[in-house]
Amino acid sequence: MNIYAKNGDRVKYIGCDDSQMNYGGNDDPRDILVIGGTYSISKTEVHSWHTKIYLIGLEKYKFNSVCFEDA
């Protein structure tokens, strides 16, 4: 996915394994999101080795961008 996605851009959740979820202290999307589901970006935080994304309506959670692709 585009790590510079803007508010309102759409992404599709493609799944996540333990290492992807844990990298950077992200939240576990596996009990929250549906694989293949599309979600809207609230904001992104680009770090040197990973990017955290926040989704509209789920802003209290931070997810690893590698678990998503552009929708």
PDB file of N, CA and C in Angstrom:
ATOM      1  N   MET A   1       0.827  -1.183   0.000  1.00  0.00           N
ATOM      2  CA  MET A   1       0.000   0.000   0.000  1.00  0.00           C
ATOM      3  C   MET A   1       0.871   1.246   0.000  1.00  0.00           C
ATOM      4  N   ASN A   2       0.300   2.332  -0.400  1.00  0.00           N
ATOM      5  CA  ASN A   2       0.990   3.616  -0.401  1.00  0.00           C
ATOM      6  C   ASN A   2       1.168   4.074   1.040  1.00  0.00           C
ATOM      7  N   ILE A   3       2.410   4.111   1.527  1.00  0.00           N
ATOM      8  CA  ILE A   3       2.629   4.491   2.921  1.00  0.00           C
ATOM      9  C   ILE A   3       2.338   5.975   3.167  1.00  0.00           C
ATOM     10  N   TYR A   4       2.167   6.729   2.107  1.00  0.00           N
ATOM     11  CA  TYR A   4       1.821   8.146   2.249  1.00  0.00           C
ATOM     12  C   TYR A   4       0.334   8.382   1.971  1.00  0.00           C
ATOM     13  N   ALA A   5      -0.479   7.353   2.175  1.00  0.00           N
ATOM     14  CA  ALA A   5      -1.926   7.480   1.965  1.00  0.00           C
ATOM     15  C   ALA A   5      -2.474   8.620   2.815  1.00  0.00           C
ATOM     16  N   LYS A   6      -3.488   9.249   2.296  1.00  0.00           N
ATOM     17  CA  LYS A   6      -4.098  10.388   2.981  1.00  0.00           C
ATOM     18  C   LYS A   6      -5.450   9.984   3.576  1.00  0.00           C
ATOM     19  N   ASN A   7      -5.943  10.826   4.442  1.00  0.00           N
ATOM     20  CA  ASN A   7      -7.246  10.624   5.056  1.00  0.00           C
ATOM     21  C   ASN A   7      -8.283  10.336   3.982  1.00  0.00           C
ATOM     22  N   GLY A   8      -9.003   9.235   4.161  1.00  0.00           N
ATOM     23  CA  GLY A   8     -10.054   8.861   3.220  1.00  0.00           C
ATOM     24  C   GLY A   8      -9.628   7.881   2.147  1.00  0.00           C
ATOM     25  N   ASP A   9      -8.324   7.718   1.918  1.00  0.00           N
ATOM     26  CA  ASP A   9      -7.865   6.722   0.941  1.00  0.00           C
ATOM     27  C   ASP A   9      -8.308   5.337   1.408  1.00  0.00           C
ATOM     28  N   ARG A  10      -8.595   4.442   0.458  1.00  0.00           N
ATOM     29  CA  ARG A  10      -9.108   3.108   0.778  1.00  0.00           C
ATOM     30  C   ARG A  10      -8.008   2.062   0.686  1.00  0.00           C
ATOM     31  N   VAL A  11      -8.032   1.125   1.636  1.00  0.00           N
ATOM     32  CA  VAL A  11      -7.099   0.007   1.646  1.00  0.00           C
ATOM     33  C   VAL A  11      -7.872  -1.281   1.872  1.00  0.00           C
ATOM     34  N   LYS A  12      -7.268  -2.398   1.453  1.00  0.00           N
ATOM     35  CA  LYS A  12      -7.866  -3.717   1.664  1.00  0.00           C
ATOM     36  C   LYS A  12      -6.968  -4.500   2.615  1.00  0.00           C
ATOM     37  N   TYR A  13      -7.573  -5.094   3.629  1.00  0.00           N
ATOM     38  CA  TYR A  13      -6.842  -5.919   4.585  1.00  0.00           C
ATOM     39  C   TYR A  13      -6.560  -7.273   3.944  1.00  0.00           C
ATOM     40  N   ILE A  14      -5.268  -7.663   3.891  1.00  0.00           N
ATOM     41  CA  ILE A  14      -4.877  -8.901   3.215  1.00  0.00           C
ATOM     42  C   ILE A  14      -4.404  -9.986   4.181  1.00  0.00           C
ATOM     43  N   GLY A  15      -4.477  -9.709   5.465  1.00  0.00           N
ATOM     44  CA  GLY A  15      -4.043 -10.672   6.464  1.00  0.00           C
ATOM     45  C   GLY A  15      -2.740 -10.239   7.097  1.00  0.00           C
ATOM     46  N   CYS A  16      -2.409 -10.905   8.204  1.00  0.00           N
ATOM     47  CA  CYS A  16      -1.256 -10.490   8.990  1.00  0.00           C
ATOM     48  C   CYS A  16      -0.764 -11.675   9.806  1.00  0.00           C
ATOM     49  N   ASP A  17       0.549 -11.852   9.882  1.00  0.00           N
ATOM     50  CA  ASP A  17       1.071 -12.910  10.744  1.00  0.00           C
ATOM     51  C   ASP A  17       1.618 -12.288  12.035  1.00  0.00           C
ATOM     52  N   ASP A  18       2.061 -13.131  12.954  1.00  0.00           N
ATOM     53  CA  ASP A  18       2.522 -12.644  14.259  1.00  0.00           C
ATOM     54  C   ASP A  18       3.655 -11.636  14.142  1.00  0.00           C
ATOM     55  N   SER A  19       4.642 -11.922  13.296  1.00  0.00           N
ATOM     56  CA  SER A  19       5.787 -11.025  13.191  1.00  0.00           C
ATOM     57  C   SER A  19       5.392  -9.673  12.595  1.00  0.00           C
ATOM     58  N   GLN A  20       4.505  -9.671  11.611  1.00  0.00           N
ATOM     59  CA  GLN A  20       4.045  -8.413  11.021  1.00  0.00           C
ATOM     60  C   GLN A  20       3.254  -7.601  12.036  1.00  0.00           C
ATOM     61  N   MET A  21       2.412  -8.271  12.779  1.00  0.00           N
ATOM     62  CA  MET A  21       1.585  -7.591  13.763  1.00  0.00           C
ATOM     63  C   MET A  21       2.444  -7.015  14.874  1.00  0.00           C
ATOM     64  N   ASN A  22       3.395  -7.777  15.382  1.00  0.00           N
ATOM     65  CA  ASN A  22       4.204  -7.349  16.521  1.00  0.00           C
ATOM     66  C   ASN A  22       5.244  -6.295  16.176  1.00  0.00           C
ATOM     67  N   TYR A  23       5.686  -6.243  14.910  1.00  0.00           N
ATOM     68  CA  TYR A  23       6.737  -5.307  14.536  1.00  0.00           C
ATOM     69  C   TYR A  23       6.276  -3.875  14.787  1.00  0.00           C
ATOM     70  N   GLY A  24       7.002  -3.149  15.598  1.00  0.00           N
ATOM     71  CA  GLY A  24       6.672  -1.759  15.875  1.00  0.00           C
ATOM     72  C   GLY A  24       5.581  -1.582  16.908  1.00  0.00           C
ATOM     73  N   GLY A  25       5.189  -2.670  17.580  1.00  0.00           N
ATOM     74  CA  GLY A  25       4.189  -2.547  18.641  1.00  0.00           C
ATOM     75  C   GLY A  25       2.786  -2.246  18.145  1.00  0.00           C
ATOM     76  N   ASN A  26       2.423  -2.809  17.013  1.00  0.00           N
ATOM     77  CA  ASN A  26       1.096  -2.577  16.448  1.00  0.00           C
ATOM     78  C   ASN A  26       0.043  -3.446  17.129  1.00  0.00           C
ATOM     79  N   ASP A  27      -1.210  -3.116  16.881  1.00  0.00           N
ATOM     80  CA  ASP A  27      -2.315  -3.913  17.387  1.00  0.00           C
ATOM     81  C   ASP A  27      -2.577  -5.084  16.448  1.00  0.00           C
ATOM     82  N   ASP A  28      -3.224  -6.113  16.980  1.00  0.00           N
ATOM     83  CA  ASP A  28      -3.532  -7.327  16.216  1.00  0.00           C
ATOM     84  C   ASP A  28      -4.835  -7.129  15.444  1.00  0.00           C
ATOM     85  N   PRO A  29      -4.769  -7.057  14.106  1.00  0.00           N
ATOM     86  CA  PRO A  29      -5.980  -6.831  13.318  1.00  0.00           C
ATOM     87  C   PRO A  29      -6.825  -8.084  13.118  1.00  0.00           C
ATOM     88  N   ARG A  30      -6.286  -9.257  13.447  1.00  0.00           N
ATOM     89  CA  ARG A  30      -6.938 -10.518  13.091  1.00  0.00           C
ATOM     90  C   ARG A  30      -8.292 -10.726  13.753  1.00  0.00           C
ATOM     91  N   ASP A  31      -8.523 -10.134  14.913  1.00  0.00           N
ATOM     92  CA  ASP A  31      -9.826 -10.247  15.573  1.00  0.00           C
ATOM     93  C   ASP A  31     -10.699  -9.026  15.340  1.00  0.00           C
ATOM     94  N   ILE A  32     -10.184  -8.066  14.587  1.00  0.00           N
ATOM     95  CA  ILE A  32     -10.889  -6.797  14.386  1.00  0.00           C
ATOM     96  C   ILE A  32     -11.339  -6.628  12.941  1.00  0.00           C
ATOM     97  N   LEU A  33     -10.468  -6.984  11.991  1.00  0.00           N
ATOM     98  CA  LEU A  33     -10.732  -6.746  10.573  1.00  0.00           C
ATOM     99  C   LEU A  33     -11.064  -8.045   9.849  1.00  0.00           C
ATOM    100  N   VAL A  34     -11.678  -7.911   8.691  1.00  0.00           N
ATOM    101  CA  VAL A  34     -12.045  -9.053   7.859  1.00  0.00           C
ATOM    102  C   VAL A  34     -11.107  -9.099   6.656  1.00  0.00           C
ATOM    103  N   ILE A  35     -10.467 -10.256   6.427  1.00  0.00           N
ATOM    104  CA  ILE A  35      -9.599 -10.382   5.251  1.00  0.00           C
ATOM    105  C   ILE A  35     -10.422 -10.115   3.995  1.00  0.00           C
ATOM    106  N   GLY A  36      -9.901  -9.243   3.147  1.00  0.00           N
ATOM    107  CA  GLY A  36     -10.600  -8.839   1.933  1.00  0.00           C
ATOM    108  C   GLY A  36     -11.482  -7.618   2.134  1.00  0.00           C
ATOM    109  N   GLY A  37     -11.676  -7.227   3.387  1.00  0.00           N
ATOM    110  CA  GLY A  37     -12.488  -6.044   3.677  1.00  0.00           C
ATOM    111  C   GLY A  37     -11.754  -4.769   3.317  1.00  0.00           C
ATOM    112  N   THR A  38     -12.500  -3.755   2.905  1.00  0.00           N
ATOM    113  CA  THR A  38     -11.898  -2.469   2.581  1.00  0.00           C
ATOM    114  C   THR A  38     -12.208  -1.475   3.685  1.00  0.00           C
ATOM    115  N   TYR A  39     -11.225  -0.635   3.946  1.00  0.00           N
ATOM    116  CA  TYR A  39     -11.292   0.319   5.044  1.00  0.00           C
ATOM    117  C   TYR A  39     -10.725   1.653   4.578  1.00  0.00           C
ATOM    118  N   SER A  40     -11.124   2.719   5.252  1.00  0.00           N
ATOM    119  CA  SER A  40     -10.634   4.055   4.920  1.00  0.00           C
ATOM    120  C   SER A  40      -9.566   4.483   5.918  1.00  0.00           C
ATOM    121  N   ILE A  41      -8.505   5.069   5.397  1.00  0.00           N
ATOM    122  CA  ILE A  41      -7.393   5.556   6.205  1.00  0.00           C
ATOM    123  C   ILE A  41      -7.816   6.813   6.970  1.00  0.00           C
ATOM    124  N   SER A  42      -7.444   6.849   8.231  1.00  0.00           N
ATOM    125  CA  SER A  42      -7.588   8.057   9.027  1.00  0.00           C
ATOM    126  C   SER A  42      -6.284   8.855   8.963  1.00  0.00           C
ATOM    127  N   LYS A  43      -5.159   8.145   9.244  1.00  0.00           N
ATOM    128  CA  LYS A  43      -3.831   8.766   9.125  1.00  0.00           C
ATOM    129  C   LYS A  43      -2.779   7.674   9.053  1.00  0.00           C
ATOM    130  N   THR A  44      -1.578   8.053   8.630  1.00  0.00           N
ATOM    131  CA  THR A  44      -0.438   7.145   8.614  1.00  0.00           C
ATOM    132  C   THR A  44       0.690   7.777   9.412  1.00  0.00           C
ATOM    133  N   GLU A  45       1.538   6.921   9.979  1.00  0.00           N
ATOM    134  CA  GLU A  45       2.771   7.355  10.650  1.00  0.00           C
ATOM    135  C   GLU A  45       3.917   6.596  10.001  1.00  0.00           C
ATOM    136  N   VAL A  46       4.707   7.281   9.210  1.00  0.00           N
ATOM    137  CA  VAL A  46       5.828   6.652   8.515  1.00  0.00           C
ATOM    138  C   VAL A  46       7.055   6.719   9.416  1.00  0.00           C
ATOM    139  N   HIS A  47       7.606   5.555   9.740  1.00  0.00           N
ATOM    140  CA  HIS A  47       8.821   5.442  10.537  1.00  0.00           C
ATOM    141  C   HIS A  47       9.939   4.930   9.629  1.00  0.00           C
ATOM    142  N   SER A  48      11.145   4.838  10.142  1.00  0.00           N
ATOM    143  CA  SER A  48      12.273   4.446   9.291  1.00  0.00           C
ATOM    144  C   SER A  48      12.166   3.009   8.774  1.00  0.00           C
ATOM    145  N   TRP A  49      11.572   2.082   9.544  1.00  0.00           N
ATOM    146  CA  TRP A  49      11.512   0.684   9.137  1.00  0.00           C
ATOM    147  C   TRP A  49      10.104   0.132   9.008  1.00  0.00           C
ATOM    148  N   HIS A  50       9.106   0.906   9.341  1.00  0.00           N
ATOM    149  CA  HIS A  50       7.719   0.443   9.227  1.00  0.00           C
ATOM    150  C   HIS A  50       6.788   1.644   9.187  1.00  0.00           C
ATOM    151  N   THR A  51       5.539   1.380   8.810  1.00  0.00           N
ATOM    152  CA  THR A  51       4.520   2.424   8.791  1.00  0.00           C
ATOM    153  C   THR A  51       3.298   1.924   9.543  1.00  0.00           C
ATOM    154  N   LYS A  52       2.805   2.758  10.444  1.00  0.00           N
ATOM    155  CA  LYS A  52       1.579   2.448  11.172  1.00  0.00           C
ATOM    156  C   LYS A  52       0.430   3.141  10.456  1.00  0.00           C
ATOM    157  N   ILE A  53      -0.715   2.457  10.368  1.00  0.00           N
ATOM    158  CA  ILE A  53      -1.885   3.112   9.803  1.00  0.00           C
ATOM    159  C   ILE A  53      -3.020   3.067  10.818  1.00  0.00           C
ATOM    160  N   TYR A  54      -3.852   4.083  10.739  1.00  0.00           N
ATOM    161  CA  TYR A  54      -5.046   4.197  11.568  1.00  0.00           C
ATOM    162  C   TYR A  54      -6.228   4.252  10.613  1.00  0.00           C
ATOM    163  N   LEU A  55      -7.302   3.569  10.963  1.00  0.00           N
ATOM    164  CA  LEU A  55      -8.474   3.476  10.097  1.00  0.00           C
ATOM    165  C   LEU A  55      -9.628   4.281  10.674  1.00  0.00           C
ATOM    166  N   ILE A  56     -10.406   4.873   9.793  1.00  0.00           N
ATOM    167  CA  ILE A  56     -11.566   5.648  10.214  1.00  0.00           C
ATOM    168  C   ILE A  56     -12.529   4.735  10.963  1.00  0.00           C
ATOM    169  N   GLY A  57     -12.930   5.182  12.144  1.00  0.00           N
ATOM    170  CA  GLY A  57     -13.830   4.415  12.995  1.00  0.00           C
ATOM    171  C   GLY A  57     -13.102   3.458  13.924  1.00  0.00           C
ATOM    172  N   LEU A  58     -11.807   3.268  13.687  1.00  0.00           N
ATOM    173  CA  LEU A  58     -10.989   2.366  14.513  1.00  0.00           C
ATOM    174  C   LEU A  58      -9.702   3.063  14.946  1.00  0.00           C
ATOM    175  N   GLU A  59      -9.783   4.375  15.183  1.00  0.00           N
ATOM    176  CA  GLU A  59      -8.596   5.184  15.440  1.00  0.00           C
ATOM    177  C   GLU A  59      -7.829   4.785  16.696  1.00  0.00           C
ATOM    178  N   LYS A  60      -8.473   4.044  17.602  1.00  0.00           N
ATOM    179  CA  LYS A  60      -7.746   3.644  18.823  1.00  0.00           C
ATOM    180  C   LYS A  60      -6.750   2.514  18.552  1.00  0.00           C
ATOM    181  N   TYR A  61      -6.798   1.933  17.349  1.00  0.00           N
ATOM    182  CA  TYR A  61      -5.892   0.854  16.960  1.00  0.00           C
ATOM    183  C   TYR A  61      -4.873   1.353  15.942  1.00  0.00           C
ATOM    184  N   LYS A  62      -3.654   0.797  16.025  1.00  0.00           N
ATOM    185  CA  LYS A  62      -2.631   1.073  15.005  1.00  0.00           C
ATOM    186  C   LYS A  62      -2.242  -0.252  14.373  1.00  0.00           C
ATOM    187  N   PHE A  63      -2.168  -0.264  13.041  1.00  0.00           N
ATOM    188  CA  PHE A  63      -1.896  -1.485  12.302  1.00  0.00           C
ATOM    189  C   PHE A  63      -0.663  -1.306  11.424  1.00  0.00           C
ATOM    190  N   ASN A  64       0.043  -2.406  11.157  1.00  0.00           N
ATOM    191  CA  ASN A  64       1.206  -2.401  10.278  1.00  0.00           C
ATOM    192  C   ASN A  64       0.729  -2.318   8.827  1.00  0.00           C
ATOM    193  N   SER A  65       1.287  -1.403   8.076  1.00  0.00           N
ATOM    194  CA  SER A  65       0.855  -1.184   6.689  1.00  0.00           C
ATOM    195  C   SER A  65       1.061  -2.402   5.793  1.00  0.00           C
ATOM    196  N   VAL A  66       2.005  -3.301   6.134  1.00  0.00           N
ATOM    197  CA  VAL A  66       2.251  -4.460   5.281  1.00  0.00           C
ATOM    198  C   VAL A  66       1.072  -5.435   5.262  1.00  0.00           C
ATOM    199  N   CYS A  67       0.122  -5.245   6.143  1.00  0.00           N
ATOM    200  CA  CYS A  67      -1.070  -6.103   6.204  1.00  0.00           C
ATOM    201  C   CYS A  67      -2.169  -5.600   5.264  1.00  0.00           C
ATOM    202  N   PHE A  68      -1.862  -4.587   4.450  1.00  0.00           N
ATOM    203  CA  PHE A  68      -2.863  -3.958   3.592  1.00  0.00           C
ATOM    204  C   PHE A  68      -2.314  -3.739   2.189  1.00  0.00           C
ATOM    205  N   GLU A  69      -3.225  -3.584   1.249  1.00  0.00           N
ATOM    206  CA  GLU A  69      -2.870  -3.155  -0.108  1.00  0.00           C
ATOM    207  C   GLU A  69      -3.864  -2.073  -0.508  1.00  0.00           C
ATOM    208  N   ASP A  70      -3.501  -1.287  -1.512  1.00  0.00           N
ATOM    209  CA  ASP A  70      -4.421  -0.244  -1.994  1.00  0.00           C
ATOM    210  C   ASP A  70      -5.689  -0.888  -2.513  1.00  0.00           C
ATOM    211  N   ALA A  71      -6.810  -0.270  -2.242  1.00  0.00           N
ATOM    212  CA  ALA A  71      -8.096  -0.809  -2.703  1.00  0.00           C
ATOM    213  C   ALA A  71      -8.559  -0.078  -3.949  1.00  0.00           C
TER     214      ALA A  71
END
